[in-house]
Amino acid sequence: MMQYTSACQTPLGEVLLVCDELGLTGLWFKGGKYCALGLAREHEERETAVFGQTRRWLDVYFSGREPDFMPPVHMIGTPFQLAVWELLRRIPYGETVTYGELAAQIAAERGLARMSAQAVGGAVGHNPVSILVPCHRVVGKDGNLTGYAGGLERKVKLLGCEGVDVGRLFVPGKGTAL
């Protein structure tokens, strides 16, 4: 399936948009971790209706309002990643959940006694459609911000844009998630 790309300016920096015929497959901050991961070698830079809808969604979002529509999104990943990313889409605007809470939800849905929060964190970190699929709403235990592929500074600003009390969150002193 052919992929198309376009750049888009946001208040937090330039993002790379990627889509195919089914929907948005990628939205990464330029220079961020995993930027363009999964982008086909052969792709075409061009404007599409999906990109227009995504830009409108981002405009509403960055104006401080919750968008009341969603561009078509086509997530591509493993069955486990897709399950985690679907949970991300259910996190309400302006709220946060922990990796442990997501792990417990996945475990319950799969009939398992428990699920590794680290495994869930790996899937969250590889979310290819940032902002629209809100991985920035996932925090560590006790309000630890942990990692964000677009950078922790952007994570704080995205949460603040949604009205989250970022004063209760903190950046860990050290660790691999930075």
N, C-alpha and C. Protein backbone atom coordinates (compact mmCIF):
# COMPACT_ATOMS: atom_id res chain seq x y z
N MET A 1 0.85 -1.17 0.00
CA MET A 1 0.00 0.00 0.00
C MET A 1 0.90 1.24 0.00
N MET A 2 0.60 2.17 -0.85
CA MET A 2 1.40 3.39 -0.98
C MET A 2 1.25 4.27 0.26
N GLN A 3 2.36 4.87 0.69
CA GLN A 3 2.34 5.82 1.79
C GLN A 3 2.64 7.21 1.27
N TYR A 4 2.01 8.20 1.93
CA TYR A 4 2.18 9.60 1.57
C TYR A 4 2.66 10.35 2.80
N THR A 5 3.46 11.39 2.59
CA THR A 5 4.00 12.16 3.70
C THR A 5 3.75 13.65 3.49
N SER A 6 3.75 14.36 4.61
CA SER A 6 3.65 15.80 4.59
C SER A 6 4.19 16.31 5.92
N ALA A 7 4.69 17.54 5.93
CA ALA A 7 5.15 18.17 7.16
C ALA A 7 4.06 19.12 7.64
N CYS A 8 4.05 19.33 8.94
CA CYS A 8 3.04 20.21 9.54
C CYS A 8 3.68 20.94 10.72
N GLN A 9 3.48 22.24 10.79
CA GLN A 9 3.98 23.02 11.93
C GLN A 9 2.94 23.00 13.05
N THR A 10 3.41 22.78 14.28
CA THR A 10 2.56 22.87 15.46
C THR A 10 3.23 23.83 16.43
N PRO A 11 2.53 24.27 17.47
CA PRO A 11 3.16 25.11 18.48
C PRO A 11 4.33 24.43 19.20
N LEU A 12 4.44 23.11 19.09
CA LEU A 12 5.52 22.38 19.75
C LEU A 12 6.59 21.91 18.77
N GLY A 13 6.52 22.39 17.55
CA GLY A 13 7.52 22.02 16.56
C GLY A 13 6.91 21.30 15.37
N GLU A 14 7.76 21.04 14.41
CA GLU A 14 7.31 20.40 13.17
C GLU A 14 7.04 18.92 13.39
N VAL A 15 5.96 18.44 12.79
CA VAL A 15 5.65 17.01 12.83
C VAL A 15 5.64 16.46 11.41
N LEU A 16 5.95 15.19 11.31
CA LEU A 16 5.87 14.45 10.06
C LEU A 16 4.56 13.67 10.08
N LEU A 17 3.76 13.87 9.05
CA LEU A 17 2.50 13.14 8.89
C LEU A 17 2.69 12.07 7.83
N VAL A 18 2.15 10.88 8.07
CA VAL A 18 2.21 9.78 7.11
C VAL A 18 0.82 9.15 7.05
N CYS A 19 0.38 8.85 5.84
CA CYS A 19 -0.89 8.15 5.69
C CYS A 19 -0.81 7.17 4.53
N ASP A 20 -1.80 6.29 4.51
CA ASP A 20 -2.01 5.44 3.34
C ASP A 20 -3.47 5.63 2.92
N GLU A 21 -3.97 4.77 2.07
CA GLU A 21 -5.34 4.94 1.58
C GLU A 21 -6.38 4.78 2.67
N LEU A 22 -6.02 4.14 3.81
CA LEU A 22 -6.98 3.87 4.87
C LEU A 22 -7.01 4.93 5.97
N GLY A 23 -5.92 5.66 6.12
CA GLY A 23 -5.90 6.68 7.17
C GLY A 23 -4.50 7.07 7.59
N LEU A 24 -4.44 7.87 8.63
CA LEU A 24 -3.17 8.35 9.18
C LEU A 24 -2.42 7.19 9.81
N THR A 25 -1.18 6.96 9.38
CA THR A 25 -0.38 5.86 9.93
C THR A 25 0.76 6.37 10.80
N GLY A 26 1.06 7.66 10.73
CA GLY A 26 2.15 8.20 11.53
C GLY A 26 2.01 9.68 11.77
N LEU A 27 2.38 10.10 12.98
CA LEU A 27 2.49 11.51 13.33
C LEU A 27 3.60 11.58 14.37
N TRP A 28 4.77 12.04 13.93
CA TRP A 28 5.93 12.10 14.81
C TRP A 28 6.49 13.51 14.84
N PHE A 29 7.00 13.92 16.00
CA PHE A 29 7.76 15.16 16.07
C PHE A 29 9.08 14.93 15.36
N LYS A 30 9.44 15.84 14.46
CA LYS A 30 10.71 15.72 13.74
C LYS A 30 11.84 15.66 14.75
N GLY A 31 12.73 14.72 14.55
CA GLY A 31 13.86 14.54 15.44
C GLY A 31 13.56 13.73 16.69
N GLY A 32 12.30 13.36 16.87
CA GLY A 32 11.92 12.56 18.04
C GLY A 32 12.35 11.12 17.89
N LYS A 33 12.37 10.44 19.02
CA LYS A 33 12.70 9.01 19.02
C LYS A 33 11.68 8.27 18.17
N TYR A 34 12.13 7.35 17.35
CA TYR A 34 11.30 6.53 16.47
C TYR A 34 10.66 7.30 15.32
N CYS A 35 11.07 8.54 15.08
CA CYS A 35 10.49 9.33 13.99
C CYS A 35 10.60 8.57 12.68
N ALA A 36 9.49 8.42 12.01
CA ALA A 36 9.38 7.76 10.70
C ALA A 36 9.61 6.25 10.76
N LEU A 37 9.60 5.67 11.96
CA LEU A 37 9.73 4.22 12.07
C LEU A 37 8.54 3.57 11.37
N GLY A 38 8.80 2.71 10.42
CA GLY A 38 7.74 2.07 9.66
C GLY A 38 7.39 2.76 8.36
N LEU A 39 8.04 3.90 8.10
CA LEU A 39 7.80 4.58 6.83
C LEU A 39 8.45 3.78 5.71
N ALA A 40 7.67 3.46 4.70
CA ALA A 40 8.17 2.69 3.57
C ALA A 40 9.26 3.48 2.83
N ARG A 41 10.26 2.78 2.35
CA ARG A 41 11.32 3.45 1.57
C ARG A 41 10.72 4.20 0.40
N GLU A 42 9.77 3.55 -0.24
CA GLU A 42 9.11 4.19 -1.38
C GLU A 42 7.82 4.82 -0.88
N HIS A 43 7.81 6.15 -0.83
CA HIS A 43 6.64 6.91 -0.43
C HIS A 43 6.62 8.20 -1.23
N GLU A 44 5.52 8.88 -1.17
CA GLU A 44 5.37 10.08 -1.98
C GLU A 44 4.94 11.24 -1.09
N GLU A 45 5.60 12.38 -1.27
CA GLU A 45 5.19 13.57 -0.53
C GLU A 45 4.06 14.23 -1.31
N ARG A 46 2.89 14.31 -0.68
CA ARG A 46 1.76 14.97 -1.32
C ARG A 46 0.67 15.22 -0.29
N GLU A 47 -0.19 16.17 -0.60
CA GLU A 47 -1.30 16.50 0.30
C GLU A 47 -2.45 15.53 0.06
N THR A 48 -3.11 15.16 1.14
CA THR A 48 -4.26 14.26 1.06
C THR A 48 -5.37 14.82 1.95
N ALA A 49 -6.57 14.30 1.77
CA ALA A 49 -7.70 14.71 2.62
C ALA A 49 -7.41 14.36 4.08
N VAL A 50 -6.77 13.23 4.32
CA VAL A 50 -6.44 12.82 5.70
C VAL A 50 -5.53 13.87 6.34
N PHE A 51 -4.56 14.37 5.60
CA PHE A 51 -3.66 15.39 6.17
C PHE A 51 -4.43 16.68 6.47
N GLY A 52 -5.36 17.05 5.60
CA GLY A 52 -6.17 18.23 5.86
C GLY A 52 -7.00 18.08 7.13
N GLN A 53 -7.60 16.91 7.32
CA GLN A 53 -8.38 16.64 8.53
C GLN A 53 -7.49 16.64 9.76
N THR A 54 -6.29 16.08 9.62
CA THR A 54 -5.35 16.02 10.74
C THR A 54 -4.91 17.42 11.14
N ARG A 55 -4.63 18.27 10.17
CA ARG A 55 -4.25 19.65 10.47
C ARG A 55 -5.39 20.39 11.19
N ARG A 56 -6.62 20.19 10.75
CA ARG A 56 -7.77 20.82 11.41
C ARG A 56 -7.89 20.31 12.84
N TRP A 57 -7.71 19.00 13.05
CA TRP A 57 -7.77 18.41 14.38
C TRP A 57 -6.70 19.05 15.27
N LEU A 58 -5.47 19.15 14.76
CA LEU A 58 -4.38 19.74 15.54
C LEU A 58 -4.65 21.21 15.85
N ASP A 59 -5.22 21.95 14.92
CA ASP A 59 -5.56 23.36 15.18
C ASP A 59 -6.54 23.47 16.34
N VAL A 60 -7.58 22.65 16.33
CA VAL A 60 -8.56 22.67 17.42
C VAL A 60 -7.86 22.28 18.73
N TYR A 61 -7.08 21.20 18.69
CA TYR A 61 -6.40 20.70 19.89
C TYR A 61 -5.50 21.78 20.49
N PHE A 62 -4.65 22.39 19.67
CA PHE A 62 -3.71 23.37 20.19
C PHE A 62 -4.36 24.71 20.54
N SER A 63 -5.65 24.86 20.21
CA SER A 63 -6.36 26.05 20.66
C SER A 63 -6.89 25.86 22.09
N GLY A 64 -6.64 24.65 22.65
CA GLY A 64 -7.06 24.38 24.03
C GLY A 64 -8.42 23.74 24.14
N ARG A 65 -8.96 23.27 23.02
CA ARG A 65 -10.27 22.60 23.03
C ARG A 65 -10.11 21.14 22.62
N GLU A 66 -11.02 20.32 23.11
CA GLU A 66 -11.03 18.92 22.70
C GLU A 66 -11.70 18.81 21.34
N PRO A 67 -11.00 18.27 20.34
CA PRO A 67 -11.63 18.11 19.02
C PRO A 67 -12.84 17.19 19.11
N ASP A 68 -13.90 17.52 18.36
CA ASP A 68 -15.11 16.69 18.37
C ASP A 68 -15.19 15.80 17.14
N PHE A 69 -14.06 15.57 16.50
CA PHE A 69 -13.98 14.67 15.34
C PHE A 69 -12.61 14.02 15.35
N MET A 70 -12.46 12.97 14.58
CA MET A 70 -11.18 12.27 14.50
C MET A 70 -10.91 11.92 13.04
N PRO A 71 -9.75 12.32 12.53
CA PRO A 71 -9.39 11.88 11.18
C PRO A 71 -9.30 10.35 11.16
N PRO A 72 -9.44 9.73 9.99
CA PRO A 72 -9.26 8.28 9.95
C PRO A 72 -7.82 7.93 10.32
N VAL A 73 -7.69 6.97 11.22
CA VAL A 73 -6.39 6.51 11.69
C VAL A 73 -6.25 5.04 11.33
N HIS A 74 -5.09 4.66 10.78
CA HIS A 74 -4.82 3.27 10.42
C HIS A 74 -3.56 2.83 11.16
N MET A 75 -3.75 2.26 12.33
CA MET A 75 -2.63 1.81 13.15
C MET A 75 -2.07 0.50 12.58
N ILE A 76 -0.76 0.43 12.48
CA ILE A 76 -0.10 -0.76 11.96
C ILE A 76 0.89 -1.24 13.02
N GLY A 77 0.68 -2.44 13.53
CA GLY A 77 1.57 -2.98 14.56
C GLY A 77 1.22 -4.43 14.86
N THR A 78 1.85 -4.96 15.90
CA THR A 78 1.56 -6.33 16.33
C THR A 78 0.20 -6.36 17.02
N PRO A 79 -0.39 -7.52 17.17
CA PRO A 79 -1.68 -7.59 17.89
C PRO A 79 -1.58 -6.99 19.30
N PHE A 80 -0.47 -7.21 19.99
CA PHE A 80 -0.31 -6.64 21.33
C PHE A 80 -0.24 -5.11 21.26
N GLN A 81 0.57 -4.58 20.34
CA GLN A 81 0.65 -3.13 20.19
C GLN A 81 -0.72 -2.54 19.86
N LEU A 82 -1.43 -3.16 18.94
CA LEU A 82 -2.75 -2.64 18.56
C LEU A 82 -3.70 -2.62 19.75
N ALA A 83 -3.63 -3.64 20.61
CA ALA A 83 -4.48 -3.68 21.80
C ALA A 83 -4.13 -2.53 22.75
N VAL A 84 -2.84 -2.29 22.95
CA VAL A 84 -2.41 -1.19 23.82
C VAL A 84 -2.81 0.15 23.22
N TRP A 85 -2.59 0.33 21.93
CA TRP A 85 -2.92 1.60 21.29
C TRP A 85 -4.42 1.87 21.33
N GLU A 86 -5.22 0.82 21.26
CA GLU A 86 -6.67 1.00 21.38
C GLU A 86 -7.02 1.51 22.77
N LEU A 87 -6.34 1.00 23.79
CA LEU A 87 -6.57 1.51 25.15
C LEU A 87 -6.18 2.98 25.26
N LEU A 88 -5.10 3.37 24.58
CA LEU A 88 -4.69 4.78 24.60
C LEU A 88 -5.81 5.66 24.06
N ARG A 89 -6.46 5.20 23.03
CA ARG A 89 -7.53 5.99 22.39
C ARG A 89 -8.71 6.19 23.32
N ARG A 90 -8.84 5.35 24.34
CA ARG A 90 -9.96 5.44 25.28
C ARG A 90 -9.67 6.34 26.48
N ILE A 91 -8.43 6.81 26.62
CA ILE A 91 -8.10 7.68 27.75
C ILE A 91 -8.76 9.03 27.51
N PRO A 92 -9.62 9.47 28.42
CA PRO A 92 -10.33 10.74 28.20
C PRO A 92 -9.38 11.94 28.14
N TYR A 93 -9.77 12.89 27.34
CA TYR A 93 -9.08 14.17 27.20
C TYR A 93 -8.92 14.77 28.60
N GLY A 94 -7.72 15.25 28.90
CA GLY A 94 -7.48 15.92 30.17
C GLY A 94 -7.27 15.00 31.35
N GLU A 95 -7.15 13.70 31.11
CA GLU A 95 -6.92 12.73 32.19
C GLU A 95 -5.64 11.94 31.91
N THR A 96 -5.11 11.35 32.96
CA THR A 96 -3.93 10.50 32.80
C THR A 96 -4.22 9.13 33.42
N VAL A 97 -3.49 8.14 32.94
CA VAL A 97 -3.51 6.80 33.52
C VAL A 97 -2.06 6.37 33.68
N THR A 98 -1.85 5.33 34.46
CA THR A 98 -0.49 4.82 34.64
C THR A 98 -0.27 3.60 33.74
N TYR A 99 1.01 3.31 33.53
CA TYR A 99 1.36 2.11 32.77
C TYR A 99 0.79 0.88 33.47
N GLY A 100 0.84 0.87 34.80
CA GLY A 100 0.29 -0.25 35.57
C GLY A 100 -1.20 -0.42 35.37
N GLU A 101 -1.93 0.70 35.30
CA GLU A 101 -3.38 0.61 35.06
C GLU A 101 -3.67 0.04 33.68
N LEU A 102 -2.90 0.46 32.68
CA LEU A 102 -3.07 -0.10 31.33
C LEU A 102 -2.74 -1.59 31.32
N ALA A 103 -1.67 -1.97 32.03
CA ALA A 103 -1.27 -3.39 32.09
C ALA A 103 -2.39 -4.22 32.73
N ALA A 104 -2.99 -3.71 33.79
CA ALA A 104 -4.08 -4.43 34.45
C ALA A 104 -5.28 -4.57 33.52
N GLN A 105 -5.55 -3.53 32.73
CA GLN A 105 -6.66 -3.56 31.78
C GLN A 105 -6.42 -4.60 30.69
N ILE A 106 -5.21 -4.63 30.16
CA ILE A 106 -4.86 -5.63 29.13
C ILE A 106 -4.97 -7.04 29.71
N ALA A 107 -4.45 -7.22 30.92
CA ALA A 107 -4.52 -8.53 31.57
C ALA A 107 -5.97 -8.98 31.72
N ALA A 108 -6.81 -8.07 32.20
CA ALA A 108 -8.23 -8.42 32.39
C ALA A 108 -8.89 -8.77 31.07
N GLU A 109 -8.61 -8.00 30.02
CA GLU A 109 -9.21 -8.26 28.71
C GLU A 109 -8.76 -9.60 28.13
N ARG A 110 -7.55 -10.01 28.49
CA ARG A 110 -7.00 -11.26 27.96
C ARG A 110 -7.17 -12.44 28.92
N GLY A 111 -7.80 -12.20 30.06
CA GLY A 111 -8.01 -13.27 31.03
C GLY A 111 -6.73 -13.73 31.71
N LEU A 112 -5.77 -12.83 31.87
CA LEU A 112 -4.50 -13.16 32.49
C LEU A 112 -4.47 -12.64 33.93
N ALA A 113 -3.67 -13.28 34.75
CA ALA A 113 -3.53 -12.85 36.14
C ALA A 113 -2.84 -11.49 36.22
N ARG A 114 -1.86 -11.28 35.34
CA ARG A 114 -1.16 -9.99 35.33
C ARG A 114 -0.49 -9.79 33.98
N MET A 115 -0.07 -8.56 33.75
CA MET A 115 0.65 -8.19 32.53
C MET A 115 1.76 -7.24 32.95
N SER A 116 2.88 -7.34 32.27
CA SER A 116 4.03 -6.50 32.58
C SER A 116 3.78 -5.05 32.17
N ALA A 117 3.93 -4.13 33.13
CA ALA A 117 3.81 -2.70 32.83
C ALA A 117 4.93 -2.28 31.88
N GLN A 118 6.08 -2.94 31.95
CA GLN A 118 7.19 -2.62 31.04
C GLN A 118 6.84 -2.99 29.60
N ALA A 119 6.17 -4.14 29.42
CA ALA A 119 5.76 -4.53 28.06
C ALA A 119 4.75 -3.52 27.50
N VAL A 120 3.83 -3.10 28.35
CA VAL A 120 2.86 -2.09 27.93
C VAL A 120 3.60 -0.79 27.60
N GLY A 121 4.57 -0.43 28.43
CA GLY A 121 5.36 0.79 28.19
C GLY A 121 6.08 0.74 26.86
N GLY A 122 6.58 -0.43 26.48
CA GLY A 122 7.24 -0.57 25.19
C GLY A 122 6.29 -0.29 24.04
N ALA A 123 5.07 -0.80 24.15
CA ALA A 123 4.07 -0.57 23.10
C ALA A 123 3.65 0.90 23.09
N VAL A 124 3.45 1.48 24.27
CA VAL A 124 3.07 2.90 24.35
C VAL A 124 4.15 3.75 23.69
N GLY A 125 5.41 3.45 24.00
CA GLY A 125 6.53 4.23 23.46
C GLY A 125 6.67 4.15 21.96
N HIS A 126 6.17 3.08 21.37
CA HIS A 126 6.27 2.91 19.91
C HIS A 126 4.98 3.32 19.19
N ASN A 127 4.08 4.01 19.88
CA ASN A 127 2.87 4.51 19.25
C ASN A 127 3.26 5.40 18.07
N PRO A 128 2.85 5.04 16.85
CA PRO A 128 3.26 5.84 15.69
C PRO A 128 2.42 7.09 15.43
N VAL A 129 1.28 7.22 16.10
CA VAL A 129 0.39 8.36 15.83
C VAL A 129 0.26 9.18 17.12
N SER A 130 1.30 9.95 17.41
CA SER A 130 1.28 10.70 18.66
C SER A 130 0.21 11.79 18.62
N ILE A 131 -0.12 12.27 19.76
CA ILE A 131 -1.13 13.30 20.04
C ILE A 131 -2.53 12.77 19.78
N LEU A 132 -2.87 12.36 18.55
CA LEU A 132 -4.21 11.85 18.26
C LEU A 132 -4.48 10.55 19.01
N VAL A 133 -3.49 9.68 19.08
CA VAL A 133 -3.54 8.49 19.91
C VAL A 133 -2.68 8.86 21.12
N PRO A 134 -3.33 9.26 22.22
CA PRO A 134 -2.68 10.05 23.27
C PRO A 134 -1.76 9.30 24.24
N CYS A 135 -0.61 8.88 23.74
CA CYS A 135 0.36 8.23 24.62
C CYS A 135 0.92 9.20 25.66
N HIS A 136 0.80 10.50 25.42
CA HIS A 136 1.28 11.50 26.38
C HIS A 136 0.45 11.48 27.66
N ARG A 137 -0.71 10.85 27.64
CA ARG A 137 -1.57 10.79 28.83
C ARG A 137 -1.21 9.65 29.77
N VAL A 138 -0.16 8.90 29.43
CA VAL A 138 0.27 7.79 30.28
C VAL A 138 1.47 8.23 31.11
N VAL A 139 1.34 8.05 32.41
CA VAL A 139 2.41 8.44 33.33
C VAL A 139 2.80 7.25 34.18
N GLY A 140 3.94 7.36 34.82
CA GLY A 140 4.40 6.32 35.72
C GLY A 140 3.70 6.40 37.06
N LYS A 141 3.99 5.41 37.87
CA LYS A 141 3.44 5.37 39.22
C LYS A 141 3.76 6.65 39.97
N ASP A 142 2.84 7.13 40.75
CA ASP A 142 3.02 8.32 41.59
C ASP A 142 3.25 9.61 40.81
N GLY A 143 2.85 9.66 39.53
CA GLY A 143 2.98 10.88 38.76
C GLY A 143 4.32 11.09 38.08
N ASN A 144 5.12 10.04 38.02
CA ASN A 144 6.41 10.09 37.33
C ASN A 144 6.13 10.21 35.83
N LEU A 145 6.67 11.23 35.19
CA LEU A 145 6.41 11.46 33.77
C LEU A 145 7.03 10.40 32.87
N THR A 146 8.10 9.79 33.29
CA THR A 146 8.84 8.81 32.49
C THR A 146 9.08 9.34 31.09
N GLY A 147 9.19 8.45 30.11
CA GLY A 147 9.59 8.87 28.78
C GLY A 147 8.45 9.30 27.88
N TYR A 148 8.83 9.99 26.83
CA TYR A 148 7.92 10.34 25.75
C TYR A 148 8.79 10.50 24.52
N ALA A 149 8.46 9.78 23.46
CA ALA A 149 9.31 9.78 22.26
C ALA A 149 9.50 11.17 21.67
N GLY A 150 8.54 12.07 21.89
CA GLY A 150 8.66 13.44 21.41
C GLY A 150 9.41 14.35 22.36
N GLY A 151 9.82 13.84 23.51
CA GLY A 151 10.54 14.62 24.51
C GLY A 151 9.64 14.97 25.69
N LEU A 152 10.19 14.88 26.90
CA LEU A 152 9.40 15.13 28.11
C LEU A 152 8.83 16.55 28.16
N GLU A 153 9.59 17.51 27.65
CA GLU A 153 9.10 18.89 27.64
C GLU A 153 7.80 18.99 26.85
N ARG A 154 7.74 18.31 25.72
CA ARG A 154 6.51 18.32 24.91
C ARG A 154 5.38 17.60 25.63
N LYS A 155 5.71 16.50 26.32
CA LYS A 155 4.69 15.76 27.05
C LYS A 155 4.03 16.66 28.08
N VAL A 156 4.83 17.41 28.82
CA VAL A 156 4.30 18.34 29.83
C VAL A 156 3.41 19.38 29.16
N LYS A 157 3.84 19.92 28.02
CA LYS A 157 3.06 20.95 27.33
C LYS A 157 1.75 20.39 26.77
N LEU A 158 1.78 19.16 26.26
CA LEU A 158 0.55 18.54 25.75
C LEU A 158 -0.45 18.33 26.89
N LEU A 159 0.03 17.84 28.02
CA LEU A 159 -0.86 17.63 29.16
C LEU A 159 -1.40 18.97 29.66
N GLY A 160 -0.55 19.98 29.71
CA GLY A 160 -0.99 21.31 30.12
C GLY A 160 -2.03 21.88 29.18
N CYS A 161 -1.88 21.63 27.89
CA CYS A 161 -2.84 22.09 26.89
C CYS A 161 -4.23 21.50 27.16
N GLU A 162 -4.25 20.31 27.76
CA GLU A 162 -5.52 19.63 28.06
C GLU A 162 -6.04 19.99 29.45
N GLY A 163 -5.33 20.85 30.17
CA GLY A 163 -5.79 21.25 31.50
C GLY A 163 -5.39 20.32 32.62
N VAL A 164 -4.47 19.38 32.35
CA VAL A 164 -3.99 18.49 33.40
C VAL A 164 -3.13 19.29 34.37
N ASP A 165 -3.29 19.06 35.66
CA ASP A 165 -2.47 19.71 36.68
C ASP A 165 -1.08 19.10 36.63
N VAL A 166 -0.20 19.70 35.83
CA VAL A 166 1.15 19.15 35.66
C VAL A 166 2.01 19.38 36.90
N GLY A 167 1.54 20.21 37.82
CA GLY A 167 2.28 20.43 39.06
C GLY A 167 2.38 19.19 39.91
N ARG A 168 1.46 18.24 39.73
CA ARG A 168 1.50 17.00 40.51
C ARG A 168 2.39 15.93 39.86
N LEU A 169 2.91 16.23 38.68
CA LEU A 169 3.76 15.28 37.96
C LEU A 169 5.21 15.70 38.12
N PHE A 170 6.12 14.74 37.94
CA PHE A 170 7.53 15.06 38.08
C PHE A 170 8.37 14.26 37.10
N VAL A 171 9.53 14.80 36.78
CA VAL A 171 10.49 14.13 35.92
C VAL A 171 11.38 13.28 36.80
N PRO A 172 11.56 12.00 36.46
CA PRO A 172 12.39 11.15 37.29
C PRO A 172 13.84 11.63 37.30
N GLY A 173 14.53 11.39 38.41
CA GLY A 173 15.91 11.82 38.53
C GLY A 173 16.85 11.07 37.61
N LYS A 174 16.62 9.79 37.42
CA LYS A 174 17.45 9.00 36.52
C LYS A 174 16.66 7.76 36.12
N GLY A 175 17.09 7.14 35.06
CA GLY A 175 16.42 5.93 34.61
C GLY A 175 16.52 5.80 33.10
N THR A 176 16.13 4.64 32.63
CA THR A 176 16.25 4.36 31.20
C THR A 176 15.12 4.98 30.40
N ALA A 177 14.03 5.40 31.05
CA ALA A 177 12.89 5.95 30.33
C ALA A 177 13.08 7.41 29.96
N LEU A 178 14.20 8.00 30.32
CA LEU A 178 14.42 9.40 29.97
C LEU A 178 14.90 9.45 28.56
